[in-house]
Amino acid sequence: MNGIEEYMLPCVNKTFFGVDCTGCGAQRAAFLLFQGEYSKAFFMYPAIYSIGFLLLFLVFNLFYKFKFDYNIKIGLIIFNAIIIAGSYIFKMIHIFN
């Protein structure tokens, strides 16, 4: 990531409290994803792929409406929340051990 980190937004939570937030790593994971480092992006922030899928669905749904699209959106949001919370808990357990 040669020098790109100096252009990334700092985590306010980590700056003030010294603890990662639930979004820490998402910028670096997106950058790794665009570089083609798919497994590194996943290990940096596991929800990167499910968030990408949710965003693709939301953009698609702007142009094409269909039955049960609201239920699919809510399901994808809950799925993302579970992945984000699970990976955050996993990271915090491993940091404090």
C-alpha atoms as a PDB file:
ATOM      1  CA  MET A   1       0.000   0.000   0.000  1.00  0.00           C
ATOM      2  CA  ASN A   2       2.954   2.238  -0.630  1.00  0.00           C
ATOM      3  CA  GLY A   3       2.041   5.698   0.630  1.00  0.00           C
ATOM      4  CA  ILE A   4      -1.666   5.435  -0.184  1.00  0.00           C
ATOM      5  CA  GLU A   5      -2.491   5.335   3.537  1.00  0.00           C
ATOM      6  CA  GLU A   6      -1.529   8.992   3.881  1.00  0.00           C
ATOM      7  CA  TYR A   7      -4.534   9.850   1.673  1.00  0.00           C
ATOM      8  CA  MET A   8      -7.014   7.644   3.542  1.00  0.00           C
ATOM      9  CA  LEU A   9      -9.422   9.056   6.107  1.00  0.00           C
ATOM     10  CA  PRO A  10      -8.361   8.320   9.691  1.00  0.00           C
ATOM     11  CA  CYS A  11     -10.679   6.441  12.023  1.00  0.00           C
ATOM     12  CA  VAL A  12     -12.016   8.966  14.519  1.00  0.00           C
ATOM     13  CA  ASN A  13     -12.867   6.239  17.038  1.00  0.00           C
ATOM     14  CA  LYS A  14      -9.354   4.804  16.914  1.00  0.00           C
ATOM     15  CA  THR A  15      -7.781   8.268  17.052  1.00  0.00           C
ATOM     16  CA  PHE A  16      -9.683   9.371  20.162  1.00  0.00           C
ATOM     17  CA  PHE A  17     -10.254   6.103  22.017  1.00  0.00           C
ATOM     18  CA  GLY A  18      -7.538   3.803  20.667  1.00  0.00           C
ATOM     19  CA  VAL A  19     -10.032   1.080  19.717  1.00  0.00           C
ATOM     20  CA  ASP A  20     -11.011  -0.013  16.215  1.00  0.00           C
ATOM     21  CA  CYS A  21     -14.534   0.736  15.031  1.00  0.00           C
ATOM     22  CA  THR A  22     -16.723  -1.654  13.052  1.00  0.00           C
ATOM     23  CA  GLY A  23     -15.630  -0.013   9.811  1.00  0.00           C
ATOM     24  CA  CYS A  24     -11.880  -0.075  10.429  1.00  0.00           C
ATOM     25  CA  GLY A  25     -10.181  -1.688   7.483  1.00  0.00           C
ATOM     26  CA  ALA A  26     -12.923  -1.019   4.933  1.00  0.00           C
ATOM     27  CA  GLN A  27     -10.954   1.660   3.048  1.00  0.00           C
ATOM     28  CA  ARG A  28      -7.830  -0.477   2.876  1.00  0.00           C
ATOM     29  CA  ALA A  29      -9.910  -3.509   1.856  1.00  0.00           C
ATOM     30  CA  ALA A  30     -11.546  -1.522  -0.957  1.00  0.00           C
ATOM     31  CA  PHE A  31      -8.133  -0.378  -2.127  1.00  0.00           C
ATOM     32  CA  LEU A  32      -6.838  -3.970  -2.041  1.00  0.00           C
ATOM     33  CA  LEU A  33      -9.920  -5.085  -3.951  1.00  0.00           C
ATOM     34  CA  PHE A  34      -9.257  -2.570  -6.715  1.00  0.00           C
ATOM     35  CA  GLN A  35      -5.650  -3.778  -6.871  1.00  0.00           C
ATOM     36  CA  GLY A  36      -6.822  -7.348  -7.385  1.00  0.00           C
ATOM     37  CA  GLU A  37      -5.732  -8.594  -3.957  1.00  0.00           C
ATOM     38  CA  TYR A  38      -9.014 -10.404  -3.289  1.00  0.00           C
ATOM     39  CA  SER A  39      -8.008 -12.644  -0.392  1.00  0.00           C
ATOM     40  CA  LYS A  40      -6.087  -9.832   1.336  1.00  0.00           C
ATOM     41  CA  ALA A  41      -9.153  -7.608   0.986  1.00  0.00           C
ATOM     42  CA  PHE A  42     -11.313 -10.276   2.619  1.00  0.00           C
ATOM     43  CA  PHE A  43      -8.925 -10.748   5.537  1.00  0.00           C
ATOM     44  CA  MET A  44      -8.620  -6.993   5.980  1.00  0.00           C
ATOM     45  CA  TYR A  45     -12.407  -6.506   6.140  1.00  0.00           C
ATOM     46  CA  PRO A  46     -14.578  -9.623   5.668  1.00  0.00           C
ATOM     47  CA  ALA A  47     -17.757  -7.688   4.866  1.00  0.00           C
ATOM     48  CA  ILE A  48     -16.234  -6.067   1.763  1.00  0.00           C
ATOM     49  CA  TYR A  49     -17.861  -8.559  -0.604  1.00  0.00           C
ATOM     50  CA  SER A  50     -21.286  -8.627   1.026  1.00  0.00           C
ATOM     51  CA  ILE A  51     -21.364  -4.817   1.141  1.00  0.00           C
ATOM     52  CA  GLY A  52     -20.386  -4.740  -2.526  1.00  0.00           C
ATOM     53  CA  PHE A  53     -23.198  -7.149  -3.336  1.00  0.00           C
ATOM     54  CA  LEU A  54     -25.667  -5.012  -1.350  1.00  0.00           C
ATOM     55  CA  LEU A  55     -24.575  -1.866  -3.188  1.00  0.00           C
ATOM     56  CA  LEU A  56     -24.898  -3.591  -6.560  1.00  0.00           C
ATOM     57  CA  PHE A  57     -28.380  -4.763  -5.632  1.00  0.00           C
ATOM     58  CA  LEU A  58     -29.384  -1.263  -4.510  1.00  0.00           C
ATOM     59  CA  VAL A  59     -28.175   0.300  -7.757  1.00  0.00           C
ATOM     60  CA  PHE A  60     -29.906  -2.419  -9.798  1.00  0.00           C
ATOM     61  CA  ASN A  61     -33.087  -1.882  -7.800  1.00  0.00           C
ATOM     62  CA  LEU A  62     -33.105   1.822  -8.626  1.00  0.00           C
ATOM     63  CA  PHE A  63     -33.800   0.949 -12.247  1.00  0.00           C
ATOM     64  CA  TYR A  64     -35.692  -2.349 -11.957  1.00  0.00           C
ATOM     65  CA  LYS A  65     -38.421  -2.751  -9.361  1.00  0.00           C
ATOM     66  CA  PHE A  66     -39.784  -6.202  -8.641  1.00  0.00           C
ATOM     67  CA  LYS A  67     -41.804  -8.096  -6.096  1.00  0.00           C
ATOM     68  CA  PHE A  68     -40.146  -8.675  -2.699  1.00  0.00           C
ATOM     69  CA  ASP A  69     -37.294  -6.233  -3.384  1.00  0.00           C
ATOM     70  CA  TYR A  70     -37.848  -4.634   0.037  1.00  0.00           C
ATOM     71  CA  ASN A  71     -37.519  -8.021   1.767  1.00  0.00           C
ATOM     72  CA  ILE A  72     -34.323  -8.767  -0.149  1.00  0.00           C
ATOM     73  CA  LYS A  73     -32.869  -5.382   0.854  1.00  0.00           C
ATOM     74  CA  ILE A  74     -33.688  -5.938   4.510  1.00  0.00           C
ATOM     75  CA  GLY A  75     -32.268  -9.452   4.352  1.00  0.00           C
ATOM     76  CA  LEU A  76     -29.030  -8.214   2.790  1.00  0.00           C
ATOM     77  CA  ILE A  77     -28.737  -5.433   5.365  1.00  0.00           C
ATOM     78  CA  ILE A  78     -29.205  -7.901   8.229  1.00  0.00           C
ATOM     79  CA  PHE A  79     -26.729 -10.298   6.592  1.00  0.00           C
ATOM     80  CA  ASN A  80     -24.159  -7.476   6.356  1.00  0.00           C
ATOM     81  CA  ALA A  81     -24.773  -6.429   9.957  1.00  0.00           C
ATOM     82  CA  ILE A  82     -24.153  -9.991  11.137  1.00  0.00           C
ATOM     83  CA  ILE A  83     -20.918 -10.261   9.152  1.00  0.00           C
ATOM     84  CA  ILE A  84     -19.696  -6.859  10.353  1.00  0.00           C
ATOM     85  CA  ALA A  85     -20.563  -7.566  13.998  1.00  0.00           C
ATOM     86  CA  GLY A  86     -19.126 -11.075  13.858  1.00  0.00           C
ATOM     87  CA  SER A  87     -15.843  -9.991  12.318  1.00  0.00           C
ATOM     88  CA  TYR A  88     -15.574  -7.090  14.778  1.00  0.00           C
ATOM     89  CA  ILE A  89     -16.102  -9.382  17.770  1.00  0.00           C
ATOM     90  CA  PHE A  90     -13.599 -11.856  16.325  1.00  0.00           C
ATOM     91  CA  LYS A  91     -11.041  -9.061  15.836  1.00  0.00           C
ATOM     92  CA  MET A  92     -11.554  -7.676  19.348  1.00  0.00           C
ATOM     93  CA  ILE A  93     -11.215 -11.111  20.947  1.00  0.00           C
ATOM     94  CA  HIS A  94      -7.949 -11.699  19.124  1.00  0.00           C
ATOM     95  CA  ILE A  95      -6.576  -8.211  19.865  1.00  0.00           C
ATOM     96  CA  PHE A  96      -7.181  -8.434  23.607  1.00  0.00           C
ATOM     97  CA  ASN A  97      -5.838 -11.993  24.005  1.00  0.00           C
END
